C-alpha atoms as a PDB file:
ATOM      1  CA  GLN A   1     137.734 105.434 186.999  1.00  0.00           C
ATOM      2  CA  ALA A   2     139.186 103.011 184.467  1.00  0.00           C
ATOM      3  CA  GLN A   3     139.796  99.604 185.980  1.00  0.00           C
ATOM      4  CA  LEU A   4     140.759  96.104 184.894  1.00  0.00           C
ATOM      5  CA  ILE A   5     140.065  93.003 186.913  1.00  0.00           C
ATOM      6  CA  GLU A   6     141.659  89.729 185.825  1.00  0.00           C
ATOM      7  CA  SER A   7     140.659  86.367 187.276  1.00  0.00           C
ATOM      8  CA  GLY A   8     140.726  82.655 186.603  1.00  0.00           C
ATOM      9  CA  GLY A   9     144.353  81.820 187.315  1.00  0.00           C
ATOM     10  CA  GLY A  10     145.492  78.969 189.502  1.00  0.00           C
ATOM     11  CA  LEU A  11     147.835  76.059 190.014  1.00  0.00           C
ATOM     12  CA  VAL A  12     147.524  73.291 187.433  1.00  0.00           C
ATOM     13  CA  GLN A  13     149.548  70.392 186.137  1.00  0.00           C
ATOM     14  CA  ALA A  14     151.140  70.297 182.710  1.00  0.00           C
ATOM     15  CA  GLY A  15     148.586  69.473 180.047  1.00  0.00           C
ATOM     16  CA  GLU A  16     145.637  70.949 181.905  1.00  0.00           C
ATOM     17  CA  SER A  17     143.539  73.985 180.986  1.00  0.00           C
ATOM     18  CA  LEU A  18     142.464  77.303 182.457  1.00  0.00           C
ATOM     19  CA  ARG A  19     140.158  80.095 181.330  1.00  0.00           C
ATOM     20  CA  LEU A  20     141.145  83.625 182.244  1.00  0.00           C
ATOM     21  CA  THR A  21     138.641  86.479 182.410  1.00  0.00           C
ATOM     22  CA  CYS A  22     139.251  90.215 182.236  1.00  0.00           C
ATOM     23  CA  VAL A  23     136.496  92.691 183.034  1.00  0.00           C
ATOM     24  CA  ALA A  24     137.002  96.334 182.072  1.00  0.00           C
ATOM     25  CA  SER A  25     135.147  99.316 183.451  1.00  0.00           C
ATOM     26  CA  GLY A  26     135.324 103.086 183.367  1.00  0.00           C
ATOM     27  CA  ARG A  27     136.131 103.577 179.684  1.00  0.00           C
ATOM     28  CA  ALA A  28     134.815 102.627 176.281  1.00  0.00           C
ATOM     29  CA  PHE A  29     135.425  98.965 175.532  1.00  0.00           C
ATOM     30  CA  SER A  30     133.793  97.673 172.388  1.00  0.00           C
ATOM     31  CA  SER A  31     135.573  99.849 169.818  1.00  0.00           C
ATOM     32  CA  ASP A  32     139.108  98.926 170.890  1.00  0.00           C
ATOM     33  CA  ASP A  33     141.533  96.089 170.271  1.00  0.00           C
ATOM     34  CA  TRP A  34     142.443  94.153 173.415  1.00  0.00           C
ATOM     35  CA  GLY A  35     145.282  91.936 174.422  1.00  0.00           C
ATOM     36  CA  TRP A  36     146.530  89.504 177.017  1.00  0.00           C
ATOM     37  CA  PHE A  37     150.067  89.858 178.308  1.00  0.00           C
ATOM     38  CA  ARG A  38     152.119  87.905 180.811  1.00  0.00           C
ATOM     39  CA  GLN A  39     155.105  88.433 183.034  1.00  0.00           C
ATOM     40  CA  ALA A  40     157.150  85.546 184.363  1.00  0.00           C
ATOM     41  CA  PRO A  41     159.327  85.949 187.466  1.00  0.00           C
ATOM     42  CA  GLY A  42     162.444  87.921 186.611  1.00  0.00           C
ATOM     43  CA  LYS A  43     161.308  88.658 183.076  1.00  0.00           C
ATOM     44  CA  GLU A  44     159.678  91.552 181.273  1.00  0.00           C
ATOM     45  CA  ARG A  45     156.015  91.607 180.400  1.00  0.00           C
ATOM     46  CA  GLU A  46     155.363  90.002 177.014  1.00  0.00           C
ATOM     47  CA  PHE A  47     152.557  89.852 174.512  1.00  0.00           C
ATOM     48  CA  VAL A  48     150.419  86.716 174.496  1.00  0.00           C
ATOM     49  CA  ALA A  49     147.415  87.399 172.272  1.00  0.00           C
ATOM     50  CA  THR A  50     145.322  90.196 170.795  1.00  0.00           C
ATOM     51  CA  ILE A  51     141.796  90.489 169.474  1.00  0.00           C
ATOM     52  CA  ASN A  52     140.371  93.254 167.326  1.00  0.00           C
ATOM     53  CA  TRP A  53     137.245  95.209 168.226  1.00  0.00           C
ATOM     54  CA  THR A  54     134.886  92.955 166.257  1.00  0.00           C
ATOM     55  CA  GLY A  55     136.438  89.778 167.588  1.00  0.00           C
ATOM     56  CA  GLN A  56     137.101  88.536 164.078  1.00  0.00           C
ATOM     57  CA  ARG A  57     140.877  89.015 164.004  1.00  0.00           C
ATOM     58  CA  THR A  58     143.254  87.527 166.520  1.00  0.00           C
ATOM     59  CA  THR A  59     147.015  87.252 166.851  1.00  0.00           C
ATOM     60  CA  TYR A  60     149.114  85.031 169.085  1.00  0.00           C
ATOM     61  CA  ALA A  61     152.669  84.753 170.279  1.00  0.00           C
ATOM     62  CA  ASP A  62     154.382  81.798 168.641  1.00  0.00           C
ATOM     63  CA  SER A  63     154.829  80.162 172.030  1.00  0.00           C
ATOM     64  CA  VAL A  64     151.065  79.855 172.602  1.00  0.00           C
ATOM     65  CA  LYS A  65     149.753  79.487 169.065  1.00  0.00           C
ATOM     66  CA  GLY A  66     147.477  76.498 168.747  1.00  0.00           C
ATOM     67  CA  ARG A  67     147.032  76.187 172.515  1.00  0.00           C
ATOM     68  CA  PHE A  68     145.516  79.536 173.601  1.00  0.00           C
ATOM     69  CA  THR A  69     142.369  81.236 172.291  1.00  0.00           C
ATOM     70  CA  ILE A  70     141.388  84.845 172.927  1.00  0.00           C
ATOM     71  CA  THR A  71     137.748  85.888 172.714  1.00  0.00           C
ATOM     72  CA  ARG A  72     135.641  88.831 173.838  1.00  0.00           C
ATOM     73  CA  ASP A  73     132.104  89.692 174.816  1.00  0.00           C
ATOM     74  CA  ASN A  74     131.409  93.344 174.121  1.00  0.00           C
ATOM     75  CA  THR A  75     128.067  93.150 175.919  1.00  0.00           C
ATOM     76  CA  ARG A  76     129.921  92.297 179.130  1.00  0.00           C
ATOM     77  CA  ASN A  77     133.059  94.435 178.622  1.00  0.00           C
ATOM     78  CA  THR A  78     134.989  91.197 179.008  1.00  0.00           C
ATOM     79  CA  VAL A  79     137.960  89.539 177.334  1.00  0.00           C
ATOM     80  CA  TYR A  80     138.758  85.842 177.809  1.00  0.00           C
ATOM     81  CA  LEU A  81     141.831  83.702 177.340  1.00  0.00           C
ATOM     82  CA  GLU A  82     141.262  79.981 177.011  1.00  0.00           C
ATOM     83  CA  MET A  83     144.519  78.185 177.724  1.00  0.00           C
ATOM     84  CA  ASN A  84     144.884  74.518 176.853  1.00  0.00           C
ATOM     85  CA  ASP A  85     147.788  72.104 177.187  1.00  0.00           C
ATOM     86  CA  LEU A  86     149.475  74.379 179.689  1.00  0.00           C
ATOM     87  CA  GLN A  87     153.214  73.917 180.153  1.00  0.00           C
ATOM     88  CA  PRO A  88     155.583  74.963 182.960  1.00  0.00           C
ATOM     89  CA  GLU A  89     156.921  77.758 180.729  1.00  0.00           C
ATOM     90  CA  ASP A  90     153.455  79.308 180.767  1.00  0.00           C
ATOM     91  CA  THR A  91     153.880  80.077 184.464  1.00  0.00           C
ATOM     92  CA  ALA A  92     153.434  83.842 184.870  1.00  0.00           C
ATOM     93  CA  ASP A  93     151.156  86.602 186.006  1.00  0.00           C
ATOM     94  CA  TYR A  94     148.644  87.305 183.265  1.00  0.00           C
ATOM     95  CA  TYR A  95     147.250  90.746 182.484  1.00  0.00           C
ATOM     96  CA  CYS A  96     144.847  92.223 179.965  1.00  0.00           C
ATOM     97  CA  ASN A  97     144.870  95.708 178.487  1.00  0.00           C
ATOM     98  CA  LEU A  98     144.215  97.730 175.387  1.00  0.00           C
ATOM     99  CA  VAL A  99     146.612  97.122 172.540  1.00  0.00           C
ATOM    100  CA  ALA A 100     146.992 100.813 171.728  1.00  0.00           C
ATOM    101  CA  LYS A 101     147.875 103.658 174.035  1.00  0.00           C
ATOM    102  CA  PRO A 102     146.626 105.302 176.116  1.00  0.00           C
ATOM    103  CA  GLN A 103     146.043 102.050 177.963  1.00  0.00           C
ATOM    104  CA  TYR A 104     144.072 101.390 181.092  1.00  0.00           C
ATOM    105  CA  PRO A 105     146.047 101.406 184.339  1.00  0.00           C
ATOM    106  CA  TRP A 106     147.369  97.861 184.656  1.00  0.00           C
ATOM    107  CA  GLY A 107     145.320  95.564 186.873  1.00  0.00           C
ATOM    108  CA  ARG A 108     146.667  93.214 189.498  1.00  0.00           C
ATOM    109  CA  GLY A 109     146.758  90.335 187.062  1.00  0.00           C
ATOM    110  CA  THR A 110     145.986  86.710 187.749  1.00  0.00           C
ATOM    111  CA  GLN A 111     148.664  84.175 188.584  1.00  0.00           C
ATOM    112  CA  VAL A 112     149.060  80.996 186.585  1.00  0.00           C
ATOM    113  CA  THR A 113     151.382  78.299 187.868  1.00  0.00           C
ATOM    114  CA  VAL A 114     151.952  75.116 185.891  1.00  0.00           C
ATOM    115  CA  SER A 115     153.716  72.200 187.537  1.00  0.00           C
ATOM    116  CA  SER A 116     155.477  69.504 185.547  1.00  0.00           C
END
């Protein structure tokens, strides 16, 4: 059964850092492009970052460029999101998933709250 488990969120102050982890199981992992997405209260889910299957190409939303870094470890079926200089507008539930469809069933996400 395909499953995603996100972790690493928490409550931090503006300017601090967090590292999110996403572990995938139940389907092939290493040959696919992966992404992090987020959903703030009352808003739709939005793209944050993507990484291609080799890990050599990444893309970022303008709002996080220069502050967030996406990486992957294909030996661990894991995708990471290093988030630095967090700001209150980064407050959201964060999710990972494949970039292309068919995607995994969405996981529960991990909550990030940034206080000013």
